[in-house]
């Protein structure tokens, strides 16, 4: 064969090789794109709480896991483990263990360590503590560290170390502030949940706690004046001290909140009403409903200008007046006391803003954007809040 023929043969082989390489590369790229599309689809199903569909797609994806880049492989496994958890399936444990073995020193592994620890908190607290310690040794700072600290406090809470947990959580919240990072914000909400549990007991127990103090009744005292002095209500003082009426006598000792007062923050984005002390201490939160699209709840600063039980309600749609017991009365459930706290302006508390905090005849809508602009709570929550907050309490409504 001539030199020219050999050269042509080499060129042909080279072209075939290059073509094959690019063909392989193109095929691999298409496979990766298809796999990522499945990952996004599974995530969408998970977000919609369609866990069966998410699991089915993730199972298909795990069978072709090598098509994904390594970080996406770990993401797919984490997602599958979380779907299993939502379904209450024990397979979540083996997936988390696989992530720890195959993807060590990654965020996915840290996430799996966190999830494994949380799953063991109730039945195997010592194992959970060790997992949290392992996580803190690997990630001493950042969102995973805060989440591990939160887990440790849940374990301490179950052991009954309430005041230690209380102090820890207040310190944790002070460090966190109001984070924009989703993981850190989830830790903040977890801390709020646990503090709410603690404060629910303290607020309505006659025992003295870090948020309260004793007051000895003096000659001439009346309960309403004591309530005003301590920025609370006579209803609350009666409830917490087991008083059947507002009648009091000298030298009685009653429980009162520490002075300073409270304020309310309504967060429309997470549909929660938060109760804080005026020194910034978080007290508790309630699930709330806010205005729907055509009746948006207006953000801003307000004060409680009126407090009423069983008031007449005027429909914003047609101006019709409804009394308690009327069909269509919207401020409470049939047969139960209705509560209304009207919101005025800081400069004019009696101003008619059209906004208020109240109960509802549709308790299933609480936790959604469903009202005609006001903030709605379920019956037990509005009854409790009505007792806790006095007139002129500051109310902030946030986007």
Protein backbone atom coordinates (compact mmCIF):
# COMPACT_ATOMS: atom_id res chain seq x y z
CA UNK A 1 0.00 0.00 0.00
CA UNK A 2 1.27 3.45 -0.90
CA UNK A 3 2.08 6.07 1.71
CA UNK A 4 -0.87 8.10 0.45
CA UNK A 5 -3.21 5.15 0.99
CA UNK A 6 -1.92 4.63 4.52
CA UNK A 7 -2.40 8.31 5.29
CA UNK A 8 -5.97 8.24 3.99
CA UNK A 9 -6.68 5.16 6.13
CA UNK A 10 -5.31 6.88 9.22
CA UNK A 11 -7.41 9.96 8.53
CA UNK A 12 -10.54 7.84 8.08
CA UNK A 13 -9.88 6.02 11.35
CA UNK A 14 -9.25 9.33 13.11
CA UNK A 15 -12.50 10.78 11.78
CA UNK A 16 -14.40 7.67 12.84
CA UNK A 17 -12.80 7.90 16.31
CA UNK A 18 -13.58 11.61 16.65
CA UNK A 19 -17.11 11.03 15.44
CA UNK A 20 -17.54 8.19 17.87
CA UNK A 21 -16.18 10.29 20.74
CA UNK A 22 -18.50 13.19 20.02
CA UNK A 23 -21.37 10.80 19.50
CA UNK A 24 -20.65 9.23 22.89
CA UNK A 25 -20.30 12.66 24.47
CA UNK A 26 -23.58 13.83 22.92
CA UNK A 27 -25.35 10.67 24.09
CA UNK A 28 -23.96 11.13 27.61
CA UNK A 29 -25.06 14.76 27.66
CA UNK A 30 -28.58 13.81 26.55
CA UNK A 31 -28.73 11.13 29.25
CA UNK A 32 -27.62 13.66 31.88
CA UNK A 33 -30.24 16.17 30.71
CA UNK A 34 -32.96 13.50 30.82
CA UNK A 35 -31.88 12.43 34.31
CA UNK A 36 -31.88 16.03 35.58
CA UNK A 37 -35.34 16.54 34.09
CA UNK A 38 -36.54 13.54 36.12
CA UNK A 39 -34.94 15.03 39.24
CA UNK A 40 -36.79 18.32 38.76
CA UNK A 41 -40.03 16.43 38.08
CA UNK A 42 -39.62 14.38 41.27
CA UNK A 43 -38.95 17.56 43.24
CA UNK A 44 -42.14 19.11 41.86
CA UNK A 45 -44.17 16.07 42.94
CA UNK A 46 -42.55 16.22 46.37
CA UNK A 47 -43.42 19.92 46.71
CA UNK A 48 -47.04 19.04 45.86
CA UNK A 49 -46.92 16.26 48.50
CA UNK A 50 -47.51 13.61 45.82
CA UNK A 51 -44.96 11.30 47.41
CA UNK A 52 -45.98 8.17 45.50
CA UNK A 53 -45.23 9.84 42.15
CA UNK A 54 -42.01 11.35 43.48
CA UNK A 55 -40.88 7.94 44.74
CA UNK A 56 -41.66 6.24 41.41
CA UNK A 57 -39.58 8.74 39.42
CA UNK A 58 -36.72 8.66 41.92
CA UNK A 59 -36.61 4.86 41.75
CA UNK A 60 -36.21 5.13 37.96
CA UNK A 61 -33.52 7.75 38.47
CA UNK A 62 -31.54 5.75 41.02
CA UNK A 63 -31.30 2.91 38.47
CA UNK A 64 -29.42 5.28 36.13
CA UNK A 65 -27.70 7.36 38.80
CA UNK A 66 -24.35 7.45 36.96
CA UNK A 67 -25.95 9.66 34.29
CA UNK A 68 -26.02 12.51 36.79
CA UNK A 69 -23.05 14.60 37.94
CA UNK A 70 -21.85 13.47 41.37
CA UNK A 71 -23.46 16.36 43.35
CA UNK A 72 -26.80 15.65 41.65
CA UNK A 73 -26.48 11.94 42.50
CA UNK A 74 -26.32 12.82 46.17
CA UNK A 75 -29.22 15.26 45.76
CA UNK A 76 -31.38 12.52 44.23
CA UNK A 77 -30.62 10.15 47.10
CA UNK A 78 -31.34 12.82 49.71
CA UNK A 79 -34.66 13.53 48.01
CA UNK A 80 -35.59 9.84 48.01
CA UNK A 81 -34.74 9.54 51.70
CA UNK A 82 -36.90 12.56 52.49
CA UNK A 83 -39.80 11.12 50.47
CA UNK A 84 -39.49 7.87 52.42
CA UNK A 85 -39.53 9.87 55.67
CA UNK A 86 -42.70 11.69 54.65
CA UNK A 87 -44.31 8.32 53.97
CA UNK A 88 -43.10 6.93 57.29
CA UNK A 89 -41.02 4.25 55.57
CA UNK A 90 -37.99 2.69 57.25
CA UNK A 91 -36.11 2.55 53.91
CA UNK A 92 -35.09 6.15 54.61
CA UNK A 93 -32.44 4.90 57.05
CA UNK A 94 -30.61 2.74 54.49
CA UNK A 95 -30.63 5.59 51.94
CA UNK A 96 -29.13 8.01 54.48
CA UNK A 97 -26.49 5.41 55.37
CA UNK A 98 -25.66 4.97 51.67
CA UNK A 99 -25.19 8.73 51.33
CA UNK A 100 -22.84 8.78 54.34
CA UNK A 101 -20.79 5.91 52.86
CA UNK A 102 -20.67 7.05 49.22
CA UNK A 103 -20.63 10.85 49.56
CA UNK A 104 -18.73 11.66 52.78
CA UNK A 105 -17.74 15.25 53.56
CA UNK A 106 -20.55 16.65 51.40
CA UNK A 107 -23.59 18.72 52.34
CA UNK A 108 -25.67 15.67 51.45
CA UNK A 109 -23.81 13.60 54.06
CA UNK A 110 -24.25 16.33 56.67
CA UNK A 111 -27.96 16.44 55.84
CA UNK A 112 -28.24 12.66 56.19
CA UNK A 113 -26.46 12.74 59.55
CA UNK A 114 -28.95 15.37 60.69
CA UNK A 115 -31.95 13.37 59.48
CA UNK A 116 -30.71 10.13 61.06
CA UNK A 117 -30.20 11.90 64.38
CA UNK A 118 -33.67 13.41 64.30
CA UNK A 119 -35.26 10.05 63.54
CA UNK A 120 -33.55 8.57 66.62
CA UNK A 121 -34.32 11.41 69.07
CA UNK A 122 -37.38 9.85 70.64
CA UNK A 123 -36.53 6.13 70.81
CA UNK A 124 -32.71 6.23 70.89
CA UNK A 125 -31.73 9.62 72.36
CA UNK A 126 -28.17 8.55 73.22
CA UNK A 127 -27.53 7.50 69.62
CA UNK A 128 -29.08 10.75 68.43
CA UNK A 129 -26.82 12.75 70.76
CA UNK A 130 -23.75 10.99 69.35
CA UNK A 131 -24.83 11.70 65.78
CA UNK A 132 -25.35 15.38 66.63
CA UNK A 133 -21.89 15.43 68.24
CA UNK A 134 -20.40 13.87 65.08
CA UNK A 135 -22.12 16.50 62.96
CA UNK A 136 -20.89 19.36 65.16
CA UNK A 137 -17.32 18.04 64.97
CA UNK A 138 -17.52 18.05 61.17
CA UNK A 139 -19.57 21.23 60.81
CA UNK A 140 -18.91 23.45 63.85
CA UNK A 141 -20.41 26.51 62.16
CA UNK A 142 -23.30 27.35 59.87
CA UNK A 143 -26.79 25.97 59.33
CA UNK A 144 -25.94 22.33 60.11
CA UNK A 145 -24.37 23.33 63.43
CA UNK A 146 -27.43 25.36 64.43
CA UNK A 147 -29.70 22.46 63.45
CA UNK A 148 -27.60 20.05 65.55
CA UNK A 149 -27.81 22.41 68.55
CA UNK A 150 -31.57 22.53 68.05
CA UNK A 151 -31.69 18.72 68.07
CA UNK A 152 -29.72 18.54 71.30
CA UNK A 153 -32.19 20.94 72.92
CA UNK A 154 -35.14 18.79 71.88
CA UNK A 155 -33.48 15.83 73.62
CA UNK A 156 -32.86 17.92 76.77
CA UNK A 157 -36.48 19.05 76.68
CA UNK A 158 -37.67 15.44 76.69
CA UNK A 159 -35.46 14.85 79.74
CA UNK A 160 -37.22 17.67 81.57
CA UNK A 161 -34.33 20.16 81.59
CA UNK A 162 -36.77 22.94 80.72
CA UNK A 163 -35.03 26.05 82.05
CA UNK A 164 -31.70 24.99 80.48
CA UNK A 165 -33.42 24.51 77.12
CA UNK A 166 -35.22 27.84 77.53
CA UNK A 167 -31.96 29.72 78.08
CA UNK A 168 -30.26 27.85 75.20
CA UNK A 169 -33.07 28.65 72.76
CA UNK A 170 -33.15 32.34 73.62
CA UNK A 171 -29.38 32.52 73.04
CA UNK A 172 -29.75 30.59 69.77
CA UNK A 173 -32.47 32.95 68.51
CA UNK A 174 -30.38 35.99 69.41
CA UNK A 175 -27.51 34.65 67.27
CA UNK A 176 -29.80 33.74 64.37
CA UNK A 177 -31.65 37.04 64.13
CA UNK A 178 -33.98 36.97 61.10
CA UNK A 179 -32.00 34.90 58.57
CA UNK A 180 -32.73 34.93 54.86
CA UNK A 181 -31.14 31.49 54.40
CA UNK A 182 -33.89 28.84 54.23
CA UNK A 183 -32.04 26.29 56.40
CA UNK A 184 -31.31 28.85 59.11
CA UNK A 185 -34.89 30.09 58.99
CA UNK A 186 -36.12 26.52 59.48
CA UNK A 187 -33.95 26.29 62.60
CA UNK A 188 -35.48 29.55 63.83
CA UNK A 189 -39.00 28.16 63.30
CA UNK A 190 -38.03 24.93 65.11
CA UNK A 191 -36.81 27.04 68.04
CA UNK A 192 -40.09 28.96 68.03
CA UNK A 193 -42.02 25.68 68.08
CA UNK A 194 -40.15 24.37 71.11
CA UNK A 195 -40.33 27.71 72.95
CA UNK A 196 -44.07 27.81 72.27
CA UNK A 197 -44.42 24.41 73.96
CA UNK A 198 -42.51 25.66 77.01
CA UNK A 199 -44.34 28.98 77.21
CA UNK A 200 -47.76 27.34 76.74
CA UNK A 201 -47.16 25.60 80.07
CA UNK A 202 -45.64 28.59 81.83
CA UNK A 203 -48.15 31.20 80.68
CA UNK A 204 -51.14 29.35 82.13
CA UNK A 205 -49.62 27.67 85.17
CA UNK A 206 -49.97 29.30 88.62
CA UNK A 207 -46.31 28.44 89.27
CA UNK A 208 -43.70 31.20 88.99
CA UNK A 209 -41.37 30.89 85.99
CA UNK A 210 -38.69 33.04 84.30
CA UNK A 211 -41.40 35.13 82.57
CA UNK A 212 -43.40 35.96 85.71
CA UNK A 213 -43.23 37.13 89.31
CA UNK A 214 -45.35 37.26 92.46
CA UNK A 215 -47.45 40.25 93.45
CA UNK A 216 -48.88 40.75 96.94
CA UNK A 217 -52.29 42.45 96.92
CA UNK A 218 -52.28 45.78 98.76
CA UNK A 219 -55.27 47.50 100.42
CA UNK A 220 -57.27 49.35 97.79
CA UNK A 221 -55.94 47.27 94.86
CA UNK A 222 -58.33 46.26 92.10
CA UNK A 223 -57.52 43.57 89.56
CA UNK A 224 -58.05 45.84 86.54
CA UNK A 225 -55.46 48.33 87.85
CA UNK A 226 -52.95 45.56 88.56
CA UNK A 227 -53.47 44.22 85.03
CA UNK A 228 -52.86 47.68 83.58
CA UNK A 229 -49.68 48.07 85.66
CA UNK A 230 -48.31 44.79 84.30
CA UNK A 231 -49.49 45.34 80.71
CA UNK A 232 -51.92 42.44 80.68
CA UNK A 233 -55.65 41.88 81.20
CA UNK A 234 -57.80 41.13 84.22
CA UNK A 235 -59.10 38.08 82.31
CA UNK A 236 -55.56 36.69 82.13
CA UNK A 237 -54.88 37.31 85.83
CA UNK A 238 -58.12 35.57 86.76
CA UNK A 239 -57.34 32.61 84.50
CA UNK A 240 -53.73 32.05 85.56
CA UNK A 241 -54.53 32.43 89.27
CA UNK A 242 -57.70 30.35 89.23
CA UNK A 243 -59.90 33.26 90.35
CA UNK A 244 -63.64 32.86 89.83
CA UNK A 245 -64.18 36.62 89.88
CA UNK A 246 -62.19 39.85 89.93
CA UNK A 247 -62.67 40.12 93.71
CA UNK A 248 -59.32 40.17 95.55
CA UNK A 249 -58.27 40.79 99.15
CA UNK A 250 -55.16 42.30 100.77
CA UNK A 251 -52.17 40.04 101.36
CA UNK A 252 -53.25 37.61 98.62
CA UNK A 253 -50.31 36.60 96.43
CA UNK A 254 -50.97 36.31 92.72
CA UNK A 255 -48.87 35.51 89.68
CA UNK A 256 -48.30 38.40 87.26
CA UNK A 257 -46.21 38.64 84.07
CA UNK A 258 -42.94 40.50 84.28
CA UNK A 259 -43.63 44.15 83.39
CA UNK A 260 -42.91 45.42 79.90
CA UNK A 261 -45.86 44.29 77.85
CA UNK A 262 -46.20 42.40 74.59
CA UNK A 263 -46.59 43.03 70.88
CA UNK A 264 -47.94 41.07 67.93
CA UNK A 265 -46.28 40.41 64.58
CA UNK A 266 -48.35 38.93 61.74
CA UNK A 267 -46.20 37.38 59.00
CA UNK A 268 -48.32 36.95 55.87
CA UNK A 269 -45.65 34.89 54.10
CA UNK A 270 -45.73 32.02 56.59
CA UNK A 271 -49.31 32.62 57.84
CA UNK A 272 -48.31 32.93 61.47
CA UNK A 273 -49.19 35.37 64.22
CA UNK A 274 -46.27 35.80 66.63
CA UNK A 275 -46.48 37.09 70.18
CA UNK A 276 -43.36 38.79 71.58
CA UNK A 277 -42.52 40.58 74.78
CA UNK A 278 -41.58 44.19 74.16
CA UNK A 279 -37.98 43.38 75.13
CA UNK A 280 -37.86 41.13 72.04
CA UNK A 281 -38.37 37.79 73.80
CA UNK A 282 -40.44 35.40 71.70
CA UNK A 283 -43.46 33.99 73.55
CA UNK A 284 -45.51 31.86 71.17
CA UNK A 285 -47.09 31.67 67.73
CA UNK A 286 -50.49 30.90 66.27
CA UNK A 287 -51.47 29.70 62.81
CA UNK A 288 -53.55 32.43 61.14
CA UNK A 289 -55.48 33.18 57.98
CA UNK A 290 -55.06 36.44 56.06
CA UNK A 291 -56.74 38.23 53.16
CA UNK A 292 -57.27 36.49 49.85
CA UNK A 293 -56.10 37.98 46.54
CA UNK A 294 -59.03 40.39 46.16
CA UNK A 295 -58.97 41.44 49.84
CA UNK A 296 -55.28 41.66 50.68
CA UNK A 297 -54.35 42.27 54.31
CA UNK A 298 -52.66 45.67 54.36
CA UNK A 299 -49.16 45.70 55.85
CA UNK A 300 -48.14 48.32 58.39
CA UNK A 301 -48.11 49.34 62.04
CA UNK A 302 -51.33 49.21 64.07
CA UNK A 303 -52.56 49.04 67.66
CA UNK A 304 -55.48 47.18 69.19
CA UNK A 305 -58.10 49.92 69.46
CA UNK A 306 -61.16 47.87 70.40
CA UNK A 307 -61.86 44.54 72.09
CA UNK A 308 -65.33 43.03 71.94
CA UNK A 309 -67.07 39.74 72.59
CA UNK A 310 -69.96 38.68 70.36
CA UNK A 311 -70.07 41.90 68.33
CA UNK A 312 -72.31 42.55 65.35
CA UNK A 313 -70.48 41.77 62.11
CA UNK A 314 -70.93 43.82 58.94
CA UNK A 315 -70.19 41.97 55.69
CA UNK A 316 -67.64 43.87 53.56
CA UNK A 317 -69.24 42.39 50.44
CA UNK A 318 -72.81 43.68 50.80
CA UNK A 319 -72.91 45.71 54.03
CA UNK A 320 -75.39 43.33 55.65
CA UNK A 321 -75.32 43.19 59.46
CA UNK A 322 -75.08 39.82 61.23
CA UNK A 323 -75.53 39.06 64.92
CA UNK A 324 -74.05 36.04 66.73
CA UNK A 325 -76.19 33.02 65.92
CA UNK A 326 -77.22 34.33 62.51
CA UNK A 327 -76.46 32.05 59.60
CA UNK A 328 -73.39 33.48 57.86
CA UNK A 329 -72.00 35.21 60.98
CA UNK A 330 -68.27 35.11 60.22
CA UNK A 331 -66.53 36.06 63.49
CA UNK A 332 -66.85 32.73 65.25
CA UNK A 333 -68.19 29.21 65.27
CA UNK A 334 -71.88 28.61 66.03
CA UNK A 335 -72.55 28.23 69.75
CA UNK A 336 -69.17 29.65 70.81
CA UNK A 337 -68.18 33.11 72.03
CA UNK A 338 -66.93 35.31 69.19
CA UNK A 339 -63.97 37.62 69.74
CA UNK A 340 -63.00 40.77 67.87
CA UNK A 341 -59.88 42.93 68.32
CA UNK A 342 -60.13 45.93 66.02
CA UNK A 343 -56.92 47.46 64.70
CA UNK A 344 -56.50 51.23 64.84
CA UNK A 345 -53.56 53.48 64.04
CA UNK A 346 -50.73 54.22 66.51
CA UNK A 347 -51.65 57.93 66.33
CA UNK A 348 -55.40 57.23 66.50
CA UNK A 349 -56.25 53.87 68.10
CA UNK A 350 -59.99 54.32 67.43
CA UNK A 351 -59.47 54.92 63.70
CA UNK A 352 -61.59 52.61 61.53
CA UNK A 353 -59.07 50.69 59.44
CA UNK A 354 -61.45 47.85 58.65
CA UNK A 355 -58.86 45.41 59.98
CA UNK A 356 -59.14 43.17 63.00
CA UNK A 357 -58.04 39.92 64.61
CA UNK A 358 -60.97 37.57 65.14
CA UNK A 359 -62.29 34.02 65.11
CA UNK A 360 -64.02 32.40 62.16
CA UNK A 361 -66.99 30.24 61.22
CA UNK A 362 -64.66 28.43 58.79
CA UNK A 363 -61.82 27.09 60.99
CA UNK A 364 -60.54 24.91 58.15
CA UNK A 365 -59.45 28.09 56.30
CA UNK A 366 -57.02 29.16 59.04
CA UNK A 367 -53.52 28.78 57.61
CA UNK A 368 -54.53 30.08 54.19
CA UNK A 369 -55.16 33.34 52.34
CA UNK A 370 -58.91 33.20 52.61
CA UNK A 371 -60.29 36.14 54.61
CA UNK A 372 -61.77 39.48 53.54
CA UNK A 373 -58.59 41.19 54.77
CA UNK A 374 -58.63 40.53 58.51
CA UNK A 375 -56.48 38.11 60.49
CA UNK A 376 -58.44 35.01 61.53
CA UNK A 377 -57.62 32.41 64.19
CA UNK A 378 -59.33 29.22 65.30
CA UNK A 379 -61.62 29.59 68.31
CA UNK A 380 -59.31 28.38 71.10
CA UNK A 381 -56.44 30.54 69.83
CA UNK A 382 -58.42 33.79 69.52
CA UNK A 383 -59.97 33.19 72.97
CA UNK A 384 -56.49 32.74 74.46
CA UNK A 385 -54.98 35.74 72.67
CA UNK A 386 -57.94 37.92 73.70
CA UNK A 387 -57.09 37.17 77.34
CA UNK A 388 -53.35 37.72 76.89
CA UNK A 389 -53.14 41.08 75.12
CA UNK A 390 -54.46 44.39 76.50
CA UNK A 391 -55.82 47.38 74.65
CA UNK A 392 -53.30 49.43 72.63
CA UNK A 393 -51.01 46.46 72.06
CA UNK A 394 -48.82 47.13 69.02
CA UNK A 395 -49.54 44.97 65.95
CA UNK A 396 -47.14 44.79 63.00
CA UNK A 397 -48.32 43.20 59.75
CA UNK A 398 -45.47 42.09 57.49
CA UNK A 399 -45.51 40.95 53.84
